Amino acid sequence: MDIIHDSLNPYVENSEFPTFIEDTFSELRLGGVMVPPSLGGLGFDYLEHFSLVYELARKDASVATFFGVHNSLGVACIDKLGDEKQRAYFLPKAANLETIFSFGLTEPNFGSDATSL
């Protein structure tokens, strides 16, 4: 299934994030690729996860970044460092993208403009 396709062109041209991709990722449970199946995820290993990042990046870097940040910075931190209560609460919601993890980037004199650093 080609989940990233030519329908992204208008989004790229308008510098907008293709929010429809969240529904597709949710349907495929791509919000929890490394989450154990018992918690609603796919149970992929790191190689499988980063293979997905690579393939997504071949089509669109912003979608690959969304996927990577959610799964690597958010989901993986809860999975590896959270207690059982945190894992049981957050990981099923993350797997179906009911909860979306992100990060904030701010730098003095540049705000969130990472390219100006």
C-alpha atoms as a PDB file:
ATOM      1  CA  MET A   1       0.000   0.000   0.000  1.00  0.00           C
ATOM      2  CA  ASP A   2       1.405   3.360  -0.977  1.00  0.00           C
ATOM      3  CA  ILE A   3       0.400   5.504   2.002  1.00  0.00           C
ATOM      4  CA  ILE A   4       2.373   8.496   0.749  1.00  0.00           C
ATOM      5  CA  HIS A   5       1.389   9.442  -2.767  1.00  0.00           C
ATOM      6  CA  ASP A   6       0.834  12.292  -5.199  1.00  0.00           C
ATOM      7  CA  SER A   7      -1.931  13.788  -3.050  1.00  0.00           C
ATOM      8  CA  LEU A   8       0.877  15.313  -0.963  1.00  0.00           C
ATOM      9  CA  ASN A   9       1.844  17.736  -3.720  1.00  0.00           C
ATOM     10  CA  PRO A  10      -0.653  20.472  -2.733  1.00  0.00           C
ATOM     11  CA  TYR A  11       0.485  20.206   0.879  1.00  0.00           C
ATOM     12  CA  VAL A  12       4.130  20.540  -0.084  1.00  0.00           C
ATOM     13  CA  GLU A  13       3.386  23.508  -2.321  1.00  0.00           C
ATOM     14  CA  ASN A  14       1.458  25.251   0.501  1.00  0.00           C
ATOM     15  CA  SER A  15       3.935  24.290   3.266  1.00  0.00           C
ATOM     16  CA  GLU A  16       1.194  22.465   5.165  1.00  0.00           C
ATOM     17  CA  PHE A  17       1.276  19.162   7.007  1.00  0.00           C
ATOM     18  CA  PRO A  18      -0.987  16.527   5.400  1.00  0.00           C
ATOM     19  CA  THR A  19      -3.197  15.840   8.426  1.00  0.00           C
ATOM     20  CA  PHE A  20      -5.061  13.098   6.538  1.00  0.00           C
ATOM     21  CA  ILE A  21      -1.974  10.955   7.080  1.00  0.00           C
ATOM     22  CA  GLU A  22      -2.846  10.658  10.778  1.00  0.00           C
ATOM     23  CA  ASP A  23      -5.981   8.661   9.902  1.00  0.00           C
ATOM     24  CA  THR A  24      -3.992   6.344   7.643  1.00  0.00           C
ATOM     25  CA  PHE A  25      -1.283   5.844  10.272  1.00  0.00           C
ATOM     26  CA  SER A  26      -3.936   5.179  12.917  1.00  0.00           C
ATOM     27  CA  GLU A  27      -5.688   2.607  10.746  1.00  0.00           C
ATOM     28  CA  LEU A  28      -2.379   0.806  10.153  1.00  0.00           C
ATOM     29  CA  ARG A  29      -1.339   1.200  13.834  1.00  0.00           C
ATOM     30  CA  LEU A  30       1.832   2.950  12.740  1.00  0.00           C
ATOM     31  CA  GLY A  31       1.697   5.125  15.841  1.00  0.00           C
ATOM     32  CA  GLY A  32       3.028   2.206  17.821  1.00  0.00           C
ATOM     33  CA  VAL A  33       5.337   0.270  15.577  1.00  0.00           C
ATOM     34  CA  MET A  34       7.591  -0.757  18.478  1.00  0.00           C
ATOM     35  CA  VAL A  35       4.782  -1.049  21.031  1.00  0.00           C
ATOM     36  CA  PRO A  36       4.181  -4.658  22.069  1.00  0.00           C
ATOM     37  CA  PRO A  37       1.105  -6.228  20.425  1.00  0.00           C
ATOM     38  CA  SER A  38      -0.369  -6.787  23.904  1.00  0.00           C
ATOM     39  CA  LEU A  39      -0.611  -2.980  24.193  1.00  0.00           C
ATOM     40  CA  GLY A  40      -2.045  -2.397  20.719  1.00  0.00           C
ATOM     41  CA  GLY A  41       1.152  -1.971  18.748  1.00  0.00           C
ATOM     42  CA  LEU A  42       2.926  -3.896  16.030  1.00  0.00           C
ATOM     43  CA  GLY A  43       5.954  -5.100  18.014  1.00  0.00           C
ATOM     44  CA  PHE A  44       8.539  -4.156  15.371  1.00  0.00           C
ATOM     45  CA  ASP A  45      12.239  -4.065  16.173  1.00  0.00           C
ATOM     46  CA  TYR A  46      14.540  -1.089  15.523  1.00  0.00           C
ATOM     47  CA  LEU A  47      15.531  -2.248  12.038  1.00  0.00           C
ATOM     48  CA  GLU A  48      11.909  -2.559  10.938  1.00  0.00           C
ATOM     49  CA  HIS A  49      11.069   0.805  12.520  1.00  0.00           C
ATOM     50  CA  PHE A  50      13.904   2.664  10.824  1.00  0.00           C
ATOM     51  CA  SER A  51      13.200   0.918   7.525  1.00  0.00           C
ATOM     52  CA  LEU A  52       9.756   2.546   7.684  1.00  0.00           C
ATOM     53  CA  VAL A  53      11.323   5.924   8.474  1.00  0.00           C
ATOM     54  CA  TYR A  54      13.617   5.523   5.470  1.00  0.00           C
ATOM     55  CA  GLU A  55      10.759   4.639   3.128  1.00  0.00           C
ATOM     56  CA  LEU A  56       8.603   7.502   4.395  1.00  0.00           C
ATOM     57  CA  ALA A  57      11.491   9.952   3.998  1.00  0.00           C
ATOM     58  CA  ARG A  58      11.896   8.910   0.364  1.00  0.00           C
ATOM     59  CA  LYS A  59       8.408  10.366  -0.228  1.00  0.00           C
ATOM     60  CA  ASP A  60       8.153  13.215   2.274  1.00  0.00           C
ATOM     61  CA  ALA A  61      10.546  14.359   5.010  1.00  0.00           C
ATOM     62  CA  SER A  62       7.854  16.023   7.124  1.00  0.00           C
ATOM     63  CA  VAL A  63       5.790  12.835   7.306  1.00  0.00           C
ATOM     64  CA  ALA A  64       8.909  10.818   8.153  1.00  0.00           C
ATOM     65  CA  THR A  65       9.772  13.337  10.876  1.00  0.00           C
ATOM     66  CA  PHE A  66       6.249  13.131  12.317  1.00  0.00           C
ATOM     67  CA  PHE A  67       6.483   9.344  12.334  1.00  0.00           C
ATOM     68  CA  GLY A  68      10.011   9.280  13.757  1.00  0.00           C
ATOM     69  CA  VAL A  69       9.439  11.830  16.511  1.00  0.00           C
ATOM     70  CA  HIS A  70       6.207  10.182  17.645  1.00  0.00           C
ATOM     71  CA  ASN A  71       7.650   6.666  17.678  1.00  0.00           C
ATOM     72  CA  SER A  72      11.266   7.378  18.677  1.00  0.00           C
ATOM     73  CA  LEU A  73      11.086  10.316  21.058  1.00  0.00           C
ATOM     74  CA  GLY A  74       7.651   9.703  22.527  1.00  0.00           C
ATOM     75  CA  VAL A  75       6.621   6.074  22.346  1.00  0.00           C
ATOM     76  CA  ALA A  76      10.094   4.598  22.854  1.00  0.00           C
ATOM     77  CA  CYS A  77      10.724   6.750  25.950  1.00  0.00           C
ATOM     78  CA  ILE A  78       7.482   5.620  27.585  1.00  0.00           C
ATOM     79  CA  ASP A  79       8.089   2.017  26.540  1.00  0.00           C
ATOM     80  CA  LYS A  80      11.666   1.867  27.807  1.00  0.00           C
ATOM     81  CA  LEU A  81      11.526   4.229  30.803  1.00  0.00           C
ATOM     82  CA  GLY A  82       7.894   4.281  31.921  1.00  0.00           C
ATOM     83  CA  ASP A  83       6.482   2.144  34.681  1.00  0.00           C
ATOM     84  CA  GLU A  84       3.775  -0.447  33.960  1.00  0.00           C
ATOM     85  CA  LYS A  85       0.952   1.987  34.766  1.00  0.00           C
ATOM     86  CA  GLN A  86       2.359   4.613  32.361  1.00  0.00           C
ATOM     87  CA  ARG A  87       2.933   2.029  29.648  1.00  0.00           C
ATOM     88  CA  ALA A  88      -0.609   0.638  29.998  1.00  0.00           C
ATOM     89  CA  TYR A  89      -2.103   4.124  29.865  1.00  0.00           C
ATOM     90  CA  PHE A  90      -0.065   5.816  27.126  1.00  0.00           C
ATOM     91  CA  LEU A  91       1.073   3.117  24.697  1.00  0.00           C
ATOM     92  CA  PRO A  92      -2.345   1.903  23.460  1.00  0.00           C
ATOM     93  CA  LYS A  93      -3.386   5.539  22.913  1.00  0.00           C
ATOM     94  CA  ALA A  94      -0.133   6.256  21.100  1.00  0.00           C
ATOM     95  CA  ALA A  95      -0.436   3.151  18.909  1.00  0.00           C
ATOM     96  CA  ASN A  96      -3.734   4.338  17.412  1.00  0.00           C
ATOM     97  CA  LEU A  97      -2.679   8.028  17.508  1.00  0.00           C
ATOM     98  CA  GLU A  98      -5.314   9.003  20.050  1.00  0.00           C
ATOM     99  CA  THR A  99      -2.267  10.522  21.758  1.00  0.00           C
ATOM    100  CA  ILE A 100       0.417  12.069  19.538  1.00  0.00           C
ATOM    101  CA  PHE A 101       3.881  12.673  20.935  1.00  0.00           C
ATOM    102  CA  SER A 102       5.990  15.586  19.761  1.00  0.00           C
ATOM    103  CA  PHE A 103       8.793  17.802  20.964  1.00  0.00           C
ATOM    104  CA  GLY A 104       9.308  21.525  21.188  1.00  0.00           C
ATOM    105  CA  LEU A 105      12.408  23.176  19.841  1.00  0.00           C
ATOM    106  CA  THR A 106      13.260  26.660  20.998  1.00  0.00           C
ATOM    107  CA  GLU A 107      16.589  28.386  20.860  1.00  0.00           C
ATOM    108  CA  PRO A 108      17.590  31.888  21.973  1.00  0.00           C
ATOM    109  CA  ASN A 109      17.278  34.407  19.123  1.00  0.00           C
ATOM    110  CA  PHE A 110      15.823  31.789  16.752  1.00  0.00           C
ATOM    111  CA  GLY A 111      12.634  30.411  18.352  1.00  0.00           C
ATOM    112  CA  SER A 112      11.613  27.231  16.590  1.00  0.00           C
ATOM    113  CA  ASP A 113      13.417  27.971  13.325  1.00  0.00           C
ATOM    114  CA  ALA A 114      15.900  25.094  13.385  1.00  0.00           C
ATOM    115  CA  THR A 115      17.325  26.001   9.977  1.00  0.00           C
ATOM    116  CA  SER A 116      18.595  29.349  11.327  1.00  0.00           C
ATOM    117  CA  LEU A 117      20.668  27.840  14.131  1.00  0.00           C
END
